[in-house]
């Protein structure tokens, strides 16, 4: 029986992925890194530290740069972009928050994003009315597709993994949810074209009443 809902943030609560990809390309260019769309997609849902650990190795950046410096630059780019953007909540997701709150479901965000970014979104959209806590990408040793972040979220809520429902938009996120022994809803939208979401219990394209009824039957 579902007692808690764990939300990914980017691409689920807010449609931030297009903005992030734009910011990614700008940061990558500063270090002479040029990736294809599919290569960028491979890093969707992956914590910054893991992504830059991989990229620094591939592009031999260790002699000239420190990973802490690059990550700080990247986070600041994201933060500035988000703060200046006119991003809104994903259409329909607020109605789902209202439903879950009304029916006493516990809610938490489990995102690979940096805590500074999550805090910005949390405050900008007053998410504390619905969601009382979050787990960021730096709070766990292993990022998605490892189950660590979702298991930590369940533990924080005091709910067994089998009683948790995860809402994700990335392949890494879906795999992490399944590895955690949780039910999973994949939210597929325009930014999910390169993502294999087949292992989710159900794939939806909208946060509407019909889909809400469907996930309550999982």
Protein backbone atom coordinates (compact mmCIF):
# COMPACT_ATOMS: atom_id res chain seq x y z
CA UNK A 1 0.00 0.00 0.00
CA UNK A 2 1.41 3.37 -1.02
CA UNK A 3 2.01 5.68 1.94
CA UNK A 4 4.63 8.03 0.53
CA UNK A 5 5.42 9.73 -2.77
CA UNK A 6 9.00 10.57 -3.71
CA UNK A 7 9.38 13.19 -6.42
CA UNK A 8 12.35 13.81 -8.63
CA UNK A 9 12.56 17.57 -9.21
CA UNK A 10 14.00 18.47 -12.61
CA UNK A 11 11.74 17.38 -15.43
CA UNK A 12 9.01 16.35 -12.98
CA UNK A 13 8.16 19.24 -10.67
CA UNK A 14 9.65 21.88 -12.97
CA UNK A 15 10.44 21.79 -16.69
CA UNK A 16 14.07 22.72 -16.13
CA UNK A 17 15.84 20.22 -18.38
CA UNK A 18 15.96 22.49 -21.50
CA UNK A 19 17.47 25.29 -19.39
CA UNK A 20 19.96 22.90 -17.80
CA UNK A 21 21.07 21.58 -21.18
CA UNK A 22 21.70 25.14 -22.34
CA UNK A 23 23.70 25.85 -19.17
CA UNK A 24 25.55 22.54 -19.53
CA UNK A 25 26.72 23.43 -23.02
CA UNK A 26 27.99 26.83 -21.84
CA UNK A 27 29.94 25.31 -18.98
CA UNK A 28 31.27 22.46 -21.11
CA UNK A 29 32.51 24.95 -23.73
CA UNK A 30 34.57 26.74 -21.06
CA UNK A 31 36.58 23.53 -20.73
CA UNK A 32 36.60 22.70 -24.46
CA UNK A 33 34.07 19.91 -24.02
CA UNK A 34 31.54 19.46 -26.81
CA UNK A 35 29.00 16.68 -26.41
CA UNK A 36 26.21 15.43 -28.66
CA UNK A 37 22.60 15.55 -27.47
CA UNK A 38 22.62 11.82 -26.76
CA UNK A 39 25.86 12.14 -24.75
CA UNK A 40 24.32 14.92 -22.67
CA UNK A 41 21.21 12.78 -22.16
CA UNK A 42 23.40 10.05 -20.67
CA UNK A 43 24.10 12.37 -17.75
CA UNK A 44 20.46 13.24 -17.03
CA UNK A 45 19.71 12.29 -13.42
CA UNK A 46 23.41 11.79 -12.61
CA UNK A 47 24.88 13.91 -9.75
CA UNK A 48 27.28 16.67 -10.84
CA UNK A 49 30.18 15.11 -8.95
CA UNK A 50 29.83 11.81 -10.79
CA UNK A 51 29.38 13.55 -14.14
CA UNK A 52 32.46 15.73 -13.70
CA UNK A 53 34.53 12.85 -12.33
CA UNK A 54 33.81 11.07 -15.60
CA UNK A 55 34.35 14.12 -17.84
CA UNK A 56 37.59 15.17 -16.15
CA UNK A 57 38.96 11.70 -16.77
CA UNK A 58 37.82 11.60 -20.39
CA UNK A 59 39.10 15.10 -21.22
CA UNK A 60 42.22 15.02 -19.03
CA UNK A 61 41.33 18.13 -17.03
CA UNK A 62 43.00 17.15 -13.75
CA UNK A 63 46.25 19.04 -14.31
CA UNK A 64 44.63 22.43 -14.89
CA UNK A 65 41.43 22.25 -12.84
CA UNK A 66 40.03 20.98 -9.56
CA UNK A 67 36.67 19.25 -9.56
CA UNK A 68 35.45 21.51 -6.72
CA UNK A 69 36.16 24.61 -8.83
CA UNK A 70 34.36 23.21 -11.88
CA UNK A 71 31.34 22.09 -9.86
CA UNK A 72 31.04 25.46 -8.12
CA UNK A 73 31.09 27.16 -11.52
CA UNK A 74 28.44 24.78 -12.84
CA UNK A 75 26.14 25.17 -9.82
CA UNK A 76 26.39 28.96 -10.01
CA UNK A 77 25.49 28.82 -13.70
CA UNK A 78 22.42 26.68 -12.91
CA UNK A 79 21.45 28.92 -10.00
CA UNK A 80 21.70 32.13 -12.00
CA UNK A 81 19.81 30.61 -14.94
CA UNK A 82 16.99 29.32 -12.73
CA UNK A 83 16.72 32.53 -10.73
CA UNK A 84 16.39 34.65 -13.87
CA UNK A 85 14.08 32.25 -15.70
CA UNK A 86 10.31 32.37 -15.88
CA UNK A 87 9.94 28.64 -15.20
CA UNK A 88 6.66 27.48 -13.72
CA UNK A 89 5.61 24.26 -12.03
CA UNK A 90 4.95 21.42 -14.44
CA UNK A 91 1.35 21.63 -15.62
CA UNK A 92 -0.98 19.70 -13.31
CA UNK A 93 1.62 18.73 -10.71
CA UNK A 94 0.24 21.15 -8.10
CA UNK A 95 -3.13 19.36 -8.28
CA UNK A 96 -1.32 16.12 -7.50
CA UNK A 97 0.38 17.78 -4.51
CA UNK A 98 -3.04 18.86 -3.28
CA UNK A 99 -4.45 15.34 -3.68
CA UNK A 100 -1.57 13.67 -1.87
CA UNK A 101 -1.68 16.20 0.96
CA UNK A 102 -5.46 15.87 1.34
CA UNK A 103 -5.14 12.08 1.52
CA UNK A 104 -2.28 12.11 4.05
CA UNK A 105 0.49 10.81 1.80
CA UNK A 106 3.98 11.75 2.93
CA UNK A 107 5.96 13.59 0.26
CA UNK A 108 9.66 14.27 -0.27
CA UNK A 109 11.95 15.39 -3.10
CA UNK A 110 14.89 13.14 -4.03
CA UNK A 111 16.94 14.96 -6.65
CA UNK A 112 20.47 14.64 -8.00
CA UNK A 113 20.63 18.44 -8.07
CA UNK A 114 22.77 20.48 -5.67
CA UNK A 115 21.07 21.53 -2.42
CA UNK A 116 21.39 25.21 -3.41
CA UNK A 117 19.34 24.58 -6.55
CA UNK A 118 16.67 22.56 -4.73
CA UNK A 119 16.37 25.27 -2.07
CA UNK A 120 15.81 27.90 -4.77
CA UNK A 121 13.00 25.89 -6.37
CA UNK A 122 11.58 24.96 -2.95
CA UNK A 123 11.28 28.62 -1.94
CA UNK A 124 10.31 30.01 -5.34
CA UNK A 125 7.24 27.78 -5.54
CA UNK A 126 6.50 27.57 -1.79
CA UNK A 127 6.73 23.78 -1.92
CA UNK A 128 6.89 23.58 1.87
CA UNK A 129 3.08 23.74 1.82
CA UNK A 130 3.13 20.20 0.48
CA UNK A 131 6.61 18.71 0.70
CA UNK A 132 8.37 18.90 4.04
CA UNK A 133 11.85 17.72 3.11
CA UNK A 134 14.31 16.88 0.35
CA UNK A 135 17.38 14.74 -0.30
CA UNK A 136 20.01 16.25 -2.63
CA UNK A 137 22.60 14.53 -4.77
CA UNK A 138 25.44 15.17 -2.33
CA UNK A 139 23.61 13.51 0.57
CA UNK A 140 24.41 10.00 -0.64
CA UNK A 141 27.58 8.20 -1.69
CA UNK A 142 26.20 6.65 -4.86
CA UNK A 143 23.97 8.59 -7.24
CA UNK A 144 21.22 7.28 -9.50
CA UNK A 145 20.92 4.60 -10.92
CA UNK A 146 22.03 3.31 -7.49
CA UNK A 147 19.04 3.18 -5.10
CA UNK A 148 20.76 5.13 -2.30
CA UNK A 149 18.91 8.44 -2.65
CA UNK A 150 15.48 6.80 -2.65
CA UNK A 151 16.30 4.51 0.26
CA UNK A 152 17.50 7.54 2.22
CA UNK A 153 14.27 9.37 1.34
CA UNK A 154 12.17 6.44 2.57
CA UNK A 155 14.19 6.27 5.77
CA UNK A 156 13.75 10.02 6.31
CA UNK A 157 9.99 9.60 5.97
CA UNK A 158 9.87 6.50 8.14
CA UNK A 159 8.19 4.47 5.38
CA UNK A 160 9.22 1.05 4.07
CA UNK A 161 10.52 1.08 0.45
CA UNK A 162 7.71 -1.17 -0.78
CA UNK A 163 5.21 1.45 0.41
CA UNK A 164 6.85 4.25 -1.57
CA UNK A 165 5.94 5.51 -5.04
CA UNK A 166 8.61 7.33 -7.04
CA UNK A 167 7.84 9.79 -9.85
CA UNK A 168 10.80 10.09 -12.23
CA UNK A 169 11.56 11.28 -15.75
CA UNK A 170 14.98 9.72 -16.37
CA UNK A 171 16.20 6.22 -17.12
CA UNK A 172 18.72 6.44 -14.27
CA UNK A 173 15.97 7.52 -11.89
CA UNK A 174 13.60 4.73 -12.89
CA UNK A 175 16.37 2.14 -12.47
CA UNK A 176 17.20 3.58 -9.04
CA UNK A 177 13.57 3.34 -7.93
CA UNK A 178 13.28 -0.26 -9.10
CA UNK A 179 16.56 -1.18 -7.40
CA UNK A 180 15.17 0.34 -4.20
CA UNK A 181 12.17 -1.99 -4.40
CA UNK A 182 9.75 0.87 -4.94
CA UNK A 183 6.84 1.43 -7.29
CA UNK A 184 7.69 3.85 -10.06
CA UNK A 185 5.79 6.22 -12.32
CA UNK A 186 7.77 7.51 -15.30
CA UNK A 187 6.82 10.97 -16.49
CA UNK A 188 7.64 11.07 -20.19
CA UNK A 189 7.67 14.43 -21.90
CA UNK A 190 9.60 16.24 -24.63
CA UNK A 191 12.90 15.91 -22.78
CA UNK A 192 12.61 12.14 -22.36
CA UNK A 193 13.17 11.13 -25.99
CA UNK A 194 16.53 9.46 -25.27
CA UNK A 195 15.39 7.85 -22.03
CA UNK A 196 14.33 4.20 -21.73
CA UNK A 197 11.51 4.25 -19.18
CA UNK A 198 10.16 0.75 -19.85
CA UNK A 199 10.97 -0.66 -16.41
CA UNK A 200 8.55 1.75 -14.69
CA UNK A 201 5.17 0.42 -13.51
CA UNK A 202 3.43 2.98 -15.67
CA UNK A 203 4.48 5.75 -18.06
CA UNK A 204 2.44 8.95 -18.14
CA UNK A 205 2.65 12.10 -20.24
CA UNK A 206 0.48 14.39 -18.13
CA UNK A 207 -0.29 15.13 -14.50
CA UNK A 208 -4.05 14.82 -14.84
CA UNK A 209 -6.94 13.24 -12.93
CA UNK A 210 -7.11 10.17 -15.19
CA UNK A 211 -3.44 9.33 -14.65
CA UNK A 212 -3.73 10.00 -10.93
CA UNK A 213 -6.46 7.37 -10.71
CA UNK A 214 -4.25 4.93 -12.63
CA UNK A 215 -1.26 5.30 -10.33
CA UNK A 216 -3.43 4.82 -7.26
CA UNK A 217 -4.17 1.33 -8.59
CA UNK A 218 -0.52 0.30 -8.83
